[in-house]
């Protein structure tokens, strides 16, 4: 009987803990929405009154949100307003939606033109995430789809992004992911990768030469926003037999052309390229 009571007590405690966490999230979201609707900095007393919460609770919510960058405190008035993290998330969402709408028909066109599977990826925090994928008619038995993470040091759609990152950001990404060897051709040295990324910038495209799967090659190019910053990558994958070394430059031109068209739709205009290796 005592054992049953103990188990029941533990279950109730867990249930209360989950309910508390859900309530805290709900309160934090209400607080953020209030700051967004008001448009001006609001003090703790006013927040407490308008949200019908104790000041101690308001302080705890604000403290957590401030640490994560979702709210900021005006040092002169001691009032709170939305932080840059909210703007960052909103910008990522808007850019992603915009990229989806302009890129989808172009991805389909590249599949039709080359017959290969086409991917689009983006750097989300420290991960290369697949945003979209269009399957080609040719069978390609490899893992990876929308929402999946790709190795930044080996995947073409990863290298086409990290080649343009600041040195410190690249270091942090490599520290998180390491440089695991997937095949005998995977680059596992930081110095070798940096030389490789320098070549990516010079050519304007990245190649995964059987570095994640033996017998599979990929080509990817960067996608830029109106400020010229690399915000995504676009690439194609196929068997090494179909994407032979002799065809890489021709296919790279097609990938760059489509990536540049997506970039143009996002407001970026670059000077015409003479060749894929120029």
Protein backbone atom coordinates (compact mmCIF):
# COMPACT_ATOMS: atom_id res chain seq x y z
CA UNK A 1 0.00 0.00 0.00
CA UNK A 2 2.84 2.34 0.91
CA UNK A 3 4.50 1.57 -2.44
CA UNK A 4 1.29 2.45 -4.30
CA UNK A 5 1.01 5.75 -2.43
CA UNK A 6 4.63 6.57 -3.25
CA UNK A 7 4.10 5.84 -6.95
CA UNK A 8 0.91 7.88 -7.00
CA UNK A 9 2.66 10.76 -5.25
CA UNK A 10 5.51 10.64 -7.80
CA UNK A 11 3.05 10.57 -10.71
CA UNK A 12 1.19 13.56 -9.30
CA UNK A 13 4.47 15.42 -8.81
CA UNK A 14 5.47 14.75 -12.42
CA UNK A 15 2.05 15.85 -13.63
CA UNK A 16 2.27 19.07 -11.59
CA UNK A 17 5.79 19.71 -12.96
CA UNK A 18 4.59 19.28 -16.57
CA UNK A 19 1.59 21.52 -15.90
CA UNK A 20 3.88 24.16 -14.35
CA UNK A 21 6.19 24.06 -17.39
CA UNK A 22 3.27 24.44 -19.80
CA UNK A 23 1.85 27.33 -17.75
CA UNK A 24 5.27 29.03 -17.72
CA UNK A 25 5.58 28.74 -21.51
CA UNK A 26 2.06 30.09 -21.93
CA UNK A 27 2.81 33.05 -19.64
CA UNK A 28 6.08 33.80 -21.42
CA UNK A 29 4.31 33.80 -24.80
CA UNK A 30 1.57 36.08 -23.45
CA UNK A 31 4.26 38.44 -22.21
CA UNK A 32 6.01 38.50 -25.59
CA UNK A 33 2.72 39.08 -27.41
CA UNK A 34 1.87 41.99 -25.09
CA UNK A 35 5.25 43.62 -25.72
CA UNK A 36 4.76 43.12 -29.47
CA UNK A 37 1.26 44.59 -29.53
CA UNK A 38 2.16 47.56 -27.31
CA UNK A 39 5.16 48.51 -29.41
CA UNK A 40 6.76 50.38 -26.51
CA UNK A 41 8.81 49.40 -23.47
CA UNK A 42 6.69 48.31 -20.49
CA UNK A 43 7.58 48.25 -16.82
CA UNK A 44 7.31 45.27 -14.47
CA UNK A 45 4.40 46.77 -12.51
CA UNK A 46 2.40 47.40 -15.67
CA UNK A 47 3.17 43.91 -17.00
CA UNK A 48 2.10 42.39 -13.71
CA UNK A 49 -1.20 44.25 -13.77
CA UNK A 50 -2.02 43.62 -17.42
CA UNK A 51 -1.09 39.93 -17.31
CA UNK A 52 -2.57 39.42 -13.84
CA UNK A 53 0.62 37.81 -12.54
CA UNK A 54 2.74 38.40 -9.46
CA UNK A 55 5.75 40.65 -9.92
CA UNK A 56 8.01 37.78 -8.85
CA UNK A 57 6.69 35.68 -11.72
CA UNK A 58 7.13 38.57 -14.16
CA UNK A 59 10.73 39.01 -13.01
CA UNK A 60 11.46 35.29 -13.49
CA UNK A 61 9.96 35.27 -17.00
CA UNK A 62 11.80 38.44 -18.01
CA UNK A 63 15.09 37.14 -16.63
CA UNK A 64 14.88 33.95 -18.70
CA UNK A 65 13.73 35.75 -21.84
CA UNK A 66 16.46 38.39 -21.47
CA UNK A 67 19.19 35.74 -21.17
CA UNK A 68 17.96 34.22 -24.45
CA UNK A 69 17.74 37.63 -26.16
CA UNK A 70 13.95 37.69 -26.54
CA UNK A 71 13.54 40.83 -24.39
CA UNK A 72 15.79 43.76 -23.61
CA UNK A 73 15.74 46.22 -20.72
CA UNK A 74 16.06 49.95 -21.29
CA UNK A 75 18.77 50.91 -18.80
CA UNK A 76 17.41 54.45 -18.44
CA UNK A 77 13.73 53.63 -17.76
CA UNK A 78 14.21 50.02 -16.49
CA UNK A 79 11.33 49.01 -18.76
CA UNK A 80 11.33 46.03 -21.11
CA UNK A 81 10.87 45.67 -24.88
CA UNK A 82 11.24 42.93 -27.47
CA UNK A 83 14.80 41.79 -28.12
CA UNK A 84 16.66 41.20 -31.35
CA UNK A 85 16.16 37.43 -31.09
CA UNK A 86 12.49 37.92 -31.99
CA UNK A 87 13.49 39.95 -35.04
CA UNK A 88 16.03 37.29 -35.99
CA UNK A 89 13.44 34.51 -35.82
CA UNK A 90 10.91 36.56 -37.76
CA UNK A 91 13.51 37.33 -40.41
CA UNK A 92 14.45 33.66 -40.74
CA UNK A 93 10.79 32.70 -41.12
CA UNK A 94 10.09 35.39 -43.72
CA UNK A 95 13.23 34.61 -45.72
CA UNK A 96 12.46 30.90 -45.63
CA UNK A 97 8.89 31.42 -46.83
CA UNK A 98 10.12 33.76 -49.55
CA UNK A 99 12.81 31.31 -50.64
CA UNK A 100 10.32 28.45 -50.77
CA UNK A 101 7.94 30.38 -53.00
CA UNK A 102 10.57 31.54 -55.48
CA UNK A 103 12.79 28.45 -55.41
CA UNK A 104 10.27 25.63 -55.81
CA UNK A 105 9.59 26.07 -59.57
CA UNK A 106 13.29 26.64 -60.20
CA UNK A 107 14.19 23.44 -58.37
CA UNK A 108 11.70 21.52 -60.48
CA UNK A 109 13.22 23.08 -63.58
CA UNK A 110 16.72 22.01 -62.58
CA UNK A 111 15.51 18.44 -62.00
CA UNK A 112 13.92 18.41 -65.45
CA UNK A 113 17.05 19.88 -67.01
CA UNK A 114 19.59 17.53 -65.38
CA UNK A 115 17.56 14.48 -64.35
CA UNK A 116 19.20 14.55 -60.91
CA UNK A 117 17.82 15.02 -57.39
CA UNK A 118 17.95 18.64 -56.22
CA UNK A 119 18.27 19.94 -52.64
CA UNK A 120 18.09 23.33 -50.97
CA UNK A 121 19.64 23.91 -47.56
CA UNK A 122 20.08 26.61 -44.94
CA UNK A 123 22.28 27.18 -41.90
CA UNK A 124 20.02 27.06 -38.84
CA UNK A 125 22.04 28.00 -35.76
CA UNK A 126 24.98 25.59 -36.23
CA UNK A 127 23.32 22.96 -38.43
CA UNK A 128 22.96 22.58 -42.20
CA UNK A 129 19.27 21.74 -42.63
CA UNK A 130 17.59 20.57 -45.84
CA UNK A 131 14.75 23.00 -46.63
CA UNK A 132 13.44 21.42 -49.80
CA UNK A 133 14.07 18.44 -52.03
CA UNK A 134 12.94 17.48 -55.52
CA UNK A 135 13.54 13.87 -56.52
CA UNK A 136 14.97 13.21 -59.96
CA UNK A 137 13.81 10.35 -62.18
CA UNK A 138 17.04 8.45 -61.60
CA UNK A 139 17.16 6.25 -58.49
CA UNK A 140 19.50 7.50 -55.78
CA UNK A 141 19.55 5.29 -52.70
CA UNK A 142 20.89 7.66 -50.05
CA UNK A 143 19.47 9.02 -46.83
CA UNK A 144 18.48 12.64 -46.49
CA UNK A 145 15.33 14.66 -46.96
CA UNK A 146 13.49 17.77 -45.86
CA UNK A 147 14.36 18.66 -42.28
CA UNK A 148 17.42 16.40 -42.15
CA UNK A 149 20.86 17.63 -41.08
CA UNK A 150 23.83 17.38 -43.45
CA UNK A 151 27.54 17.29 -42.50
CA UNK A 152 28.90 20.80 -43.14
CA UNK A 153 32.42 19.64 -43.95
CA UNK A 154 31.42 16.93 -46.44
CA UNK A 155 28.07 17.72 -48.08
CA UNK A 156 28.19 20.07 -51.07
CA UNK A 157 25.17 22.02 -49.79
CA UNK A 158 27.06 22.41 -46.51
CA UNK A 159 30.36 23.53 -48.00
CA UNK A 160 28.60 26.03 -50.29
CA UNK A 161 27.43 27.80 -47.12
CA UNK A 162 30.33 27.46 -44.67
CA UNK A 163 32.82 28.62 -47.33
CA UNK A 164 31.43 32.14 -46.83
CA UNK A 165 31.22 32.21 -43.03
CA UNK A 166 33.48 34.30 -40.79
CA UNK A 167 36.45 32.37 -39.43
CA UNK A 168 35.12 32.30 -35.86
CA UNK A 169 31.69 30.98 -36.88
CA UNK A 170 33.32 28.27 -38.98
CA UNK A 171 35.46 27.26 -36.00
CA UNK A 172 32.41 26.96 -33.73
CA UNK A 173 30.55 24.83 -36.29
CA UNK A 174 33.49 22.48 -36.75
CA UNK A 175 33.93 22.21 -32.99
CA UNK A 176 30.31 21.16 -32.61
CA UNK A 177 30.17 18.66 -35.47
CA UNK A 178 33.76 17.54 -35.69
CA UNK A 179 34.97 16.22 -39.03
CA UNK A 180 33.97 12.55 -39.05
CA UNK A 181 35.20 10.36 -41.89
CA UNK A 182 32.32 8.92 -43.95
CA UNK A 183 34.43 7.52 -46.78
CA UNK A 184 38.09 7.37 -47.71
CA UNK A 185 37.58 10.67 -49.59
CA UNK A 186 36.14 12.70 -46.69
CA UNK A 187 38.17 15.76 -45.74
CA UNK A 188 39.09 15.37 -42.07
CA UNK A 189 41.76 18.05 -41.63
CA UNK A 190 40.81 21.64 -40.79
CA UNK A 191 43.70 23.01 -42.86
CA UNK A 192 42.72 20.88 -45.85
CA UNK A 193 39.09 21.96 -45.49
CA UNK A 194 40.06 25.64 -45.39
CA UNK A 195 42.06 25.20 -48.62
CA UNK A 196 39.07 23.40 -50.11
CA UNK A 197 36.68 26.19 -49.07
CA UNK A 198 39.00 28.77 -50.60
CA UNK A 199 38.65 26.91 -53.91
CA UNK A 200 34.85 26.87 -53.43
CA UNK A 201 34.84 30.66 -53.18
CA UNK A 202 37.08 30.98 -56.24
CA UNK A 203 34.93 28.66 -58.38
CA UNK A 204 31.55 29.74 -57.02
CA UNK A 205 30.43 26.19 -56.33
CA UNK A 206 31.18 23.21 -54.06
CA UNK A 207 31.61 19.55 -54.94
CA UNK A 208 31.05 16.52 -52.74
CA UNK A 209 33.28 14.03 -54.51
CA UNK A 210 32.07 10.77 -52.91
CA UNK A 211 32.82 12.26 -49.48
CA UNK A 212 29.60 11.12 -47.76
CA UNK A 213 28.71 8.09 -49.91
CA UNK A 214 31.02 6.18 -52.24
CA UNK A 215 29.62 6.29 -55.73
CA UNK A 216 27.66 9.54 -55.16
CA UNK A 217 28.65 13.07 -56.18
CA UNK A 218 26.96 16.39 -55.45
CA UNK A 219 27.37 19.96 -56.68
CA UNK A 220 26.04 23.04 -54.86
CA UNK A 221 26.17 26.82 -55.15
CA UNK A 222 25.37 29.59 -52.65
CA UNK A 223 22.12 31.56 -52.60
CA UNK A 224 22.40 35.20 -51.53
CA UNK A 225 19.96 37.76 -50.16
CA UNK A 226 19.58 41.39 -51.19
CA UNK A 227 22.55 42.34 -49.00
CA UNK A 228 24.76 39.82 -50.78
CA UNK A 229 25.03 37.53 -47.77
CA UNK A 230 24.87 33.76 -48.29
CA UNK A 231 21.58 32.61 -46.75
CA UNK A 232 21.18 29.16 -48.32
CA UNK A 233 22.62 26.72 -50.83
CA UNK A 234 21.18 24.86 -53.79
CA UNK A 235 22.61 21.68 -55.24
CA UNK A 236 22.08 18.43 -57.06
CA UNK A 237 23.14 14.86 -56.32
CA UNK A 238 23.58 11.79 -58.49
CA UNK A 239 25.72 8.74 -58.99
CA UNK A 240 29.38 9.24 -59.75
CA UNK A 241 28.73 7.50 -63.05
CA UNK A 242 26.13 10.07 -64.11
CA UNK A 243 27.94 13.03 -62.55
CA UNK A 244 31.31 12.16 -64.04
CA UNK A 245 34.29 14.45 -63.55
CA UNK A 246 33.94 15.50 -67.20
CA UNK A 247 30.38 16.69 -66.51
CA UNK A 248 31.04 18.53 -63.25
CA UNK A 249 31.75 21.93 -64.80
CA UNK A 250 28.72 21.76 -67.12
CA UNK A 251 26.41 20.74 -64.29
CA UNK A 252 27.98 23.35 -62.01
CA UNK A 253 27.04 26.05 -64.53
CA UNK A 254 23.42 24.87 -64.40
CA UNK A 255 23.41 24.84 -60.58
CA UNK A 256 25.01 28.31 -60.37
CA UNK A 257 22.51 29.67 -62.88
CA UNK A 258 19.54 28.48 -60.82
CA UNK A 259 21.10 29.59 -57.51
CA UNK A 260 21.71 33.03 -59.03
CA UNK A 261 18.10 33.18 -60.21
CA UNK A 262 16.87 32.41 -56.70
CA UNK A 263 19.26 35.07 -55.36
CA UNK A 264 17.92 37.59 -57.89
CA UNK A 265 14.37 36.86 -56.77
CA UNK A 266 15.52 37.61 -53.22
CA UNK A 267 16.85 40.97 -54.39
CA UNK A 268 20.51 40.15 -55.07
CA UNK A 269 22.05 40.94 -58.42
CA UNK A 270 25.55 39.87 -59.36
CA UNK A 271 27.69 40.56 -62.40
CA UNK A 272 27.41 37.92 -65.15
CA UNK A 273 29.73 34.95 -64.78
CA UNK A 274 32.00 34.06 -67.69
CA UNK A 275 32.37 30.47 -66.58
CA UNK A 276 31.77 28.25 -63.59
CA UNK A 277 35.45 28.31 -62.76
CA UNK A 278 35.89 32.02 -63.23
